Amino acid sequence: MQLQREEFFRRELVEELRRVENMVRQEPSEEMKIYYFSAAYGITNRTYRYSFSKEILIADLLLNGAYNMMNERLNLLKGGNKTVAIDPLIFEKVCDGLRDLADCFESGEDVFEPLKTIIGAAFALTGPGNYLKVKGDLQI
């Protein structure tokens, strides 16, 4: 019974991550891309409440952090701070990371690599992250 429940929630998690990836990839608006991305940590948060694993918890914390970095940059841009522009490659990498994260959850593989892709791309939108990207130290 417990195994069926865990499998159900894992399938829901994978399906939602794939949906989020598709929505972010197809959306032209940066604001809406970030809005849709928030559903990624929404599903991890719901999933660990019903079928806890440390991998899902870590994914939730990092996806939430990535969302906060992206949303903060968007708000700074709206407020007139144009020091760091949103490079379209950021969202491409975030989407690649979401796709790979769904694959890892589906197959039971380690989720660390796709989470590194997502958090690295989001970090590039911060002041320090952009500086490291421009310097060549942060590859996204």
Protein backbone atom coordinates (compact mmCIF):
# COMPACT_ATOMS: atom_id res chain seq x y z
CA MET A 1 0.00 0.00 0.00
CA GLN A 2 2.79 2.46 0.96
CA LEU A 3 4.68 1.63 -2.25
CA GLN A 4 1.58 2.32 -4.38
CA ARG A 5 1.12 5.66 -2.64
CA GLU A 6 4.77 6.64 -3.18
CA GLU A 7 4.57 5.61 -6.84
CA PHE A 8 1.38 7.64 -7.33
CA PHE A 9 2.94 10.81 -5.92
CA ARG A 10 6.18 10.27 -7.82
CA ARG A 11 4.23 9.98 -11.09
CA GLU A 12 2.32 13.17 -10.24
CA LEU A 13 5.61 14.93 -9.50
CA VAL A 14 7.17 13.85 -12.79
CA GLU A 15 4.08 14.78 -14.79
CA GLU A 16 3.87 18.24 -13.23
CA LEU A 17 7.58 18.96 -13.70
CA ARG A 18 7.22 18.08 -17.39
CA ARG A 19 4.16 20.33 -17.66
CA VAL A 20 6.02 23.22 -16.00
CA GLU A 21 9.00 22.74 -18.31
CA ASN A 22 6.73 22.85 -21.35
CA MET A 23 4.84 25.94 -20.16
CA VAL A 24 8.02 27.87 -19.33
CA ARG A 25 9.64 26.86 -22.63
CA GLN A 26 6.64 28.01 -24.71
CA GLU A 27 5.83 31.24 -22.86
CA PRO A 28 7.34 34.40 -24.42
CA SER A 29 6.89 36.64 -21.35
CA GLU A 30 9.68 36.56 -18.76
CA GLU A 31 7.18 37.42 -16.03
CA MET A 32 4.92 34.52 -16.98
CA LYS A 33 7.88 32.14 -17.33
CA ILE A 34 8.79 32.87 -13.70
CA TYR A 35 5.16 32.55 -12.64
CA TYR A 36 4.87 29.13 -14.32
CA PHE A 37 8.20 28.06 -12.84
CA SER A 38 6.77 28.58 -9.36
CA ALA A 39 4.63 25.49 -9.94
CA ALA A 40 7.82 23.39 -9.86
CA TYR A 41 8.41 24.04 -6.18
CA GLY A 42 4.66 23.91 -5.64
CA ILE A 43 4.53 20.27 -6.70
CA THR A 44 7.66 19.32 -4.75
CA ASN A 45 6.16 20.92 -1.66
CA ARG A 46 2.91 19.01 -2.04
CA THR A 47 4.73 15.78 -2.84
CA TYR A 48 7.00 15.69 0.21
CA ARG A 49 4.00 16.26 2.47
CA TYR A 50 2.41 13.01 1.28
CA SER A 51 5.43 10.96 0.25
CA PHE A 52 8.51 12.33 1.99
CA SER A 53 12.03 11.87 0.71
CA LYS A 54 15.12 13.98 1.31
CA GLU A 55 15.62 14.25 -2.46
CA ILE A 56 12.21 15.86 -2.89
CA LEU A 57 12.85 18.15 0.08
CA ILE A 58 16.20 19.27 -1.37
CA ALA A 59 14.57 19.81 -4.76
CA ASP A 60 11.84 21.88 -3.11
CA LEU A 61 14.31 24.10 -1.27
CA LEU A 62 16.49 24.67 -4.34
CA LEU A 63 13.55 25.25 -6.70
CA ASN A 64 12.09 27.75 -4.24
CA GLY A 65 15.46 29.49 -4.02
CA ALA A 66 15.75 29.58 -7.81
CA TYR A 67 12.27 31.09 -8.07
CA ASN A 68 13.16 33.76 -5.51
CA MET A 69 16.32 34.72 -7.42
CA MET A 70 14.43 34.97 -10.73
CA ASN A 71 11.54 36.88 -9.18
CA GLU A 72 13.87 39.30 -7.41
CA ARG A 73 15.63 40.10 -10.71
CA LEU A 74 12.28 40.64 -12.42
CA ASN A 75 11.18 43.03 -9.66
CA LEU A 76 14.47 44.93 -9.87
CA LEU A 77 14.03 45.30 -13.63
CA LYS A 78 10.47 46.53 -13.15
CA GLY A 79 11.81 49.08 -10.67
CA GLY A 80 14.29 50.41 -13.22
CA ASN A 81 17.45 48.56 -12.16
CA LYS A 82 18.87 47.32 -15.45
CA THR A 83 22.29 46.20 -14.19
CA VAL A 84 21.54 42.54 -14.95
CA ALA A 85 19.44 41.68 -18.00
CA ILE A 86 17.59 38.39 -18.27
CA ASP A 87 19.45 36.36 -20.87
CA PRO A 88 17.06 33.96 -22.71
CA LEU A 89 19.67 31.24 -22.17
CA ILE A 90 18.76 31.35 -18.46
CA PHE A 91 15.26 30.03 -19.13
CA GLU A 92 16.55 27.51 -21.65
CA LYS A 93 18.87 26.07 -18.99
CA VAL A 94 16.14 26.15 -16.34
CA CYS A 95 13.88 24.19 -18.70
CA ASP A 96 16.65 21.70 -19.47
CA GLY A 97 17.12 21.26 -15.74
CA LEU A 98 13.39 20.72 -15.18
CA ARG A 99 13.31 18.11 -17.94
CA ASP A 100 16.31 16.31 -16.49
CA LEU A 101 14.91 16.57 -12.96
CA ALA A 102 11.69 14.89 -14.09
CA ASP A 103 13.76 12.18 -15.79
CA CYS A 104 15.76 11.59 -12.60
CA PHE A 105 12.69 11.38 -10.39
CA GLU A 106 11.10 9.01 -12.91
CA SER A 107 14.12 6.70 -13.11
CA GLY A 108 15.24 6.98 -9.49
CA GLU A 109 18.57 8.55 -10.48
CA ASP A 110 20.33 11.19 -8.40
CA VAL A 111 18.72 14.64 -8.75
CA PHE A 112 21.83 16.69 -7.96
CA GLU A 113 22.95 17.45 -11.55
CA PRO A 114 19.63 18.88 -12.81
CA LEU A 115 19.28 20.91 -9.62
CA LYS A 116 22.78 22.32 -10.17
CA THR A 117 21.72 23.35 -13.68
CA ILE A 118 18.60 25.12 -12.42
CA ILE A 119 20.17 26.86 -9.43
CA GLY A 120 23.23 27.88 -11.47
CA ALA A 121 21.06 29.47 -14.15
CA ALA A 122 18.95 31.31 -11.59
CA PHE A 123 22.05 32.44 -9.67
CA ALA A 124 23.33 34.08 -12.87
CA LEU A 125 20.45 36.57 -12.48
CA THR A 126 21.81 37.86 -9.17
CA GLY A 127 24.48 40.53 -8.95
CA PRO A 128 27.22 38.16 -7.77
CA GLY A 129 26.09 35.43 -10.17
CA ASN A 130 26.07 37.77 -13.15
CA TYR A 131 29.53 39.04 -12.21
CA LEU A 132 30.85 35.47 -12.07
CA LYS A 133 29.13 34.70 -15.39
CA VAL A 134 30.66 37.75 -17.08
CA LYS A 135 34.06 36.87 -15.59
CA GLY A 136 33.75 33.37 -17.01
CA ASP A 137 33.71 31.57 -13.67
CA LEU A 138 30.02 30.63 -13.78
CA GLN A 139 29.03 28.54 -16.77
CA ILE A 140 25.31 28.12 -17.30
